[in-house]
C-alpha atoms as a PDB file:
ATOM      1  CA  UNK A   1     106.562 101.214  95.028  1.00  0.00           C
ATOM      2  CA  UNK A   2     106.975 102.067  98.192  1.00  0.00           C
ATOM      3  CA  UNK A   3     109.725 103.980  99.385  1.00  0.00           C
ATOM      4  CA  UNK A   4     111.176 101.322 101.000  1.00  0.00           C
ATOM      5  CA  UNK A   5     111.060  99.098  97.783  1.00  0.00           C
ATOM      6  CA  UNK A   6     113.792 101.133  95.889  1.00  0.00           C
ATOM      7  CA  UNK A   7     117.762 102.483  95.903  1.00  0.00           C
ATOM      8  CA  UNK A   8     117.873 105.766  94.845  1.00  0.00           C
ATOM      9  CA  UNK A   9     114.947 106.693  92.608  1.00  0.00           C
ATOM     10  CA  UNK A  10     115.610 110.065  91.681  1.00  0.00           C
ATOM     11  CA  UNK A  11     119.461 109.440  90.707  1.00  0.00           C
ATOM     12  CA  UNK A  12     120.480 109.885  87.529  1.00  0.00           C
ATOM     13  CA  UNK A  13     117.491 108.995  84.538  1.00  0.00           C
ATOM     14  CA  UNK A  14     120.694 110.484  81.676  1.00  0.00           C
ATOM     15  CA  UNK A  15     117.315 113.290  80.180  1.00  0.00           C
ATOM     16  CA  UNK A  16     114.278 111.012  81.607  1.00  0.00           C
ATOM     17  CA  UNK A  17     112.548 113.326  83.791  1.00  0.00           C
ATOM     18  CA  UNK A  18     111.677 112.045  86.621  1.00  0.00           C
ATOM     19  CA  UNK A  19     108.260 112.571  88.326  1.00  0.00           C
ATOM     20  CA  UNK A  20     107.568 111.662  92.676  1.00  0.00           C
ATOM     21  CA  UNK A  21     103.672 110.915  92.618  1.00  0.00           C
ATOM     22  CA  UNK A  22     102.155 111.112  96.249  1.00  0.00           C
ATOM     23  CA  UNK A  23      98.574 110.173  96.316  1.00  0.00           C
ATOM     24  CA  UNK A  24      96.690 107.815  98.793  1.00  0.00           C
ATOM     25  CA  UNK A  25      94.567 106.006  96.393  1.00  0.00           C
ATOM     26  CA  UNK A  26      96.850 103.164  95.166  1.00  0.00           C
ATOM     27  CA  UNK A  27      95.056 102.940  91.104  1.00  0.00           C
ATOM     28  CA  UNK A  28      94.757 106.393  90.448  1.00  0.00           C
ATOM     29  CA  UNK A  29      98.658 105.628  91.863  1.00  0.00           C
ATOM     30  CA  UNK A  30      99.098 103.813  89.180  1.00  0.00           C
ATOM     31  CA  UNK A  31      96.929 104.823  87.058  1.00  0.00           C
ATOM     32  CA  UNK A  32      98.987 108.707  86.571  1.00  0.00           C
ATOM     33  CA  UNK A  33     102.683 106.135  86.705  1.00  0.00           C
ATOM     34  CA  UNK A  34     101.579 104.344  84.020  1.00  0.00           C
ATOM     35  CA  UNK A  35     100.808 107.005  81.640  1.00  0.00           C
ATOM     36  CA  UNK A  36     103.085 109.129  82.801  1.00  0.00           C
ATOM     37  CA  UNK A  37     105.960 106.355  82.003  1.00  0.00           C
ATOM     38  CA  UNK A  38     104.697 105.888  77.753  1.00  0.00           C
ATOM     39  CA  UNK A  39     105.205 109.309  77.892  1.00  0.00           C
ATOM     40  CA  UNK A  40     108.538 109.559  78.802  1.00  0.00           C
ATOM     41  CA  UNK A  41     109.034 110.001  82.458  1.00  0.00           C
ATOM     42  CA  UNK A  42     110.683 108.488  85.181  1.00  0.00           C
ATOM     43  CA  UNK A  43     107.741 107.610  87.819  1.00  0.00           C
ATOM     44  CA  UNK A  44     108.681 106.721  91.617  1.00  0.00           C
ATOM     45  CA  UNK A  45     104.962 106.306  94.035  1.00  0.00           C
ATOM     46  CA  UNK A  46     104.656 107.327  97.331  1.00  0.00           C
ATOM     47  CA  UNK A  47     101.419 106.246  99.541  1.00  0.00           C
ATOM     48  CA  UNK A  48     101.354 109.693 101.643  1.00  0.00           C
ATOM     49  CA  UNK A  49     103.518 113.330 102.805  1.00  0.00           C
ATOM     50  CA  UNK A  50     105.429 111.161 104.886  1.00  0.00           C
ATOM     51  CA  UNK A  51     107.018 108.397 102.623  1.00  0.00           C
ATOM     52  CA  UNK A  52     107.772 111.447  99.827  1.00  0.00           C
ATOM     53  CA  UNK A  53     109.457 112.588 102.462  1.00  0.00           C
ATOM     54  CA  UNK A  54     111.612 109.896 103.024  1.00  0.00           C
ATOM     55  CA  UNK A  55     112.312 109.783  99.330  1.00  0.00           C
ATOM     56  CA  UNK A  56     113.223 113.455  99.618  1.00  0.00           C
ATOM     57  CA  UNK A  57     115.575 113.826 102.177  1.00  0.00           C
ATOM     58  CA  UNK A  58     117.642 109.994 101.499  1.00  0.00           C
ATOM     59  CA  UNK A  59     117.789 110.113  97.336  1.00  0.00           C
ATOM     60  CA  UNK A  60     118.776 113.769  94.918  1.00  0.00           C
ATOM     61  CA  UNK A  61     114.858 115.765  94.208  1.00  0.00           C
ATOM     62  CA  UNK A  62     112.633 114.914  91.390  1.00  0.00           C
ATOM     63  CA  UNK A  63     112.215 117.121  88.659  1.00  0.00           C
ATOM     64  CA  UNK A  64     108.545 117.238  89.652  1.00  0.00           C
ATOM     65  CA  UNK A  65     106.389 117.138  92.126  1.00  0.00           C
ATOM     66  CA  UNK A  66     102.328 115.301  91.190  1.00  0.00           C
ATOM     67  CA  UNK A  67     100.677 115.530  95.140  1.00  0.00           C
ATOM     68  CA  UNK A  68      97.299 114.658  96.336  1.00  0.00           C
ATOM     69  CA  UNK A  69      96.405 116.912  99.206  1.00  0.00           C
ATOM     70  CA  UNK A  70      94.053 114.753 101.424  1.00  0.00           C
ATOM     71  CA  UNK A  71      96.077 111.407 102.381  1.00  0.00           C
ATOM     72  CA  UNK A  72      96.677 109.393 105.516  1.00  0.00           C
ATOM     73  CA  UNK A  73      99.699 110.492 107.745  1.00  0.00           C
ATOM     74  CA  UNK A  74     100.707 113.236 109.427  1.00  0.00           C
ATOM     75  CA  UNK A  75     100.637 116.595 106.615  1.00  0.00           C
ATOM     76  CA  UNK A  76      98.456 117.085 103.861  1.00  0.00           C
ATOM     77  CA  UNK A  77      99.194 117.266 100.163  1.00  0.00           C
ATOM     78  CA  UNK A  78      99.417 121.480 101.017  1.00  0.00           C
ATOM     79  CA  UNK A  79     102.189 120.996 104.458  1.00  0.00           C
ATOM     80  CA  UNK A  80     104.436 118.730 101.825  1.00  0.00           C
ATOM     81  CA  UNK A  81     104.012 121.710  99.119  1.00  0.00           C
ATOM     82  CA  UNK A  82     105.587 124.557 101.520  1.00  0.00           C
ATOM     83  CA  UNK A  83     108.006 122.379 102.823  1.00  0.00           C
ATOM     84  CA  UNK A  84     110.014 121.678  99.043  1.00  0.00           C
ATOM     85  CA  UNK A  85     108.894 125.606  98.540  1.00  0.00           C
ATOM     86  CA  UNK A  86     111.287 126.207 101.968  1.00  0.00           C
ATOM     87  CA  UNK A  87     113.849 123.095 101.390  1.00  0.00           C
ATOM     88  CA  UNK A  88     113.881 122.694  97.245  1.00  0.00           C
ATOM     89  CA  UNK A  89     112.849 125.874  95.463  1.00  0.00           C
ATOM     90  CA  UNK A  90     113.874 124.504  91.995  1.00  0.00           C
ATOM     91  CA  UNK A  91     111.128 121.601  92.787  1.00  0.00           C
ATOM     92  CA  UNK A  92     108.149 122.125  90.353  1.00  0.00           C
ATOM     93  CA  UNK A  93     105.469 120.786  91.796  1.00  0.00           C
ATOM     94  CA  UNK A  94     101.357 120.140  91.312  1.00  0.00           C
ATOM     95  CA  UNK A  95      99.288 120.030  93.758  1.00  0.00           C
ATOM     96  CA  UNK A  96      95.358 117.389  92.814  1.00  0.00           C
ATOM     97  CA  UNK A  97      92.650 117.689  94.925  1.00  0.00           C
ATOM     98  CA  UNK A  98      88.995 116.985  94.067  1.00  0.00           C
ATOM     99  CA  UNK A  99      88.204 118.429  97.203  1.00  0.00           C
ATOM    100  CA  UNK A 100      90.278 121.421  98.461  1.00  0.00           C
ATOM    101  CA  UNK A 101      90.324 125.523  96.668  1.00  0.00           C
ATOM    102  CA  UNK A 102      92.755 126.235  94.190  1.00  0.00           C
ATOM    103  CA  UNK A 103      93.717 129.371  95.905  1.00  0.00           C
ATOM    104  CA  UNK A 104      95.057 127.299  98.990  1.00  0.00           C
ATOM    105  CA  UNK A 105      97.688 126.470  96.478  1.00  0.00           C
ATOM    106  CA  UNK A 106      99.479 130.104  95.496  1.00  0.00           C
ATOM    107  CA  UNK A 107     102.796 130.409  97.112  1.00  0.00           C
ATOM    108  CA  UNK A 108     102.931 127.162  97.608  1.00  0.00           C
ATOM    109  CA  UNK A 109     102.467 125.338  93.954  1.00  0.00           C
ATOM    110  CA  UNK A 110     103.228 125.343  90.672  1.00  0.00           C
ATOM    111  CA  UNK A 111      99.929 124.079  89.553  1.00  0.00           C
ATOM    112  CA  UNK A 112      97.201 123.238  90.300  1.00  0.00           C
ATOM    113  CA  UNK A 113      95.239 120.516  88.717  1.00  0.00           C
ATOM    114  CA  UNK A 114      91.809 119.141  89.693  1.00  0.00           C
ATOM    115  CA  UNK A 115      90.328 115.682  90.780  1.00  0.00           C
ATOM    116  CA  UNK A 116      89.201 113.645  88.635  1.00  0.00           C
ATOM    117  CA  UNK A 117      92.560 113.341  86.349  1.00  0.00           C
ATOM    118  CA  UNK A 118      92.562 114.925  82.895  1.00  0.00           C
ATOM    119  CA  UNK A 119      95.941 112.645  81.957  1.00  0.00           C
ATOM    120  CA  UNK A 120      96.710 115.144  78.060  1.00  0.00           C
ATOM    121  CA  UNK A 121      96.492 118.371  81.166  1.00  0.00           C
ATOM    122  CA  UNK A 122      98.850 116.891  83.386  1.00  0.00           C
ATOM    123  CA  UNK A 123     101.120 115.514  81.389  1.00  0.00           C
ATOM    124  CA  UNK A 124     100.742 118.980  79.244  1.00  0.00           C
ATOM    125  CA  UNK A 125     101.631 120.887  82.323  1.00  0.00           C
ATOM    126  CA  UNK A 126     104.430 118.906  83.180  1.00  0.00           C
ATOM    127  CA  UNK A 127     106.219 118.877  80.329  1.00  0.00           C
ATOM    128  CA  UNK A 128     105.481 123.347  80.888  1.00  0.00           C
ATOM    129  CA  UNK A 129     106.800 122.736  83.679  1.00  0.00           C
ATOM    130  CA  UNK A 130     109.949 120.875  82.735  1.00  0.00           C
ATOM    131  CA  UNK A 131     110.146 123.575  79.680  1.00  0.00           C
ATOM    132  CA  UNK A 132     110.881 125.844  81.979  1.00  0.00           C
ATOM    133  CA  UNK A 133     113.565 124.429  83.857  1.00  0.00           C
END
């Protein structure tokens, strides 16, 4: 689902936490999104940080942002996380990457998870972050 394909994606979903997934690899994004939906999360998808910024600026914030680092567009996942830290400090951030050092996530993310994805680890980390709020 692209940023322009929905209305109020992070709106009131009751007790269902909302996760914004930012991942340029379509199949990976679909796999992660479906796994999280099956775990009871509402999911909003963005193909890059530019789409994610549109979502964040046009609707209520999700509970958690999961972002890849290396993506096409004007900024990468680290820059997106830094923007979120400055503008929406209550939003939990998970950075994922198969190439970047976890050290770069310090100060801008609540967690760093390596790729390839371990879906059970992502779900566990999400639960921990959401329960902490």
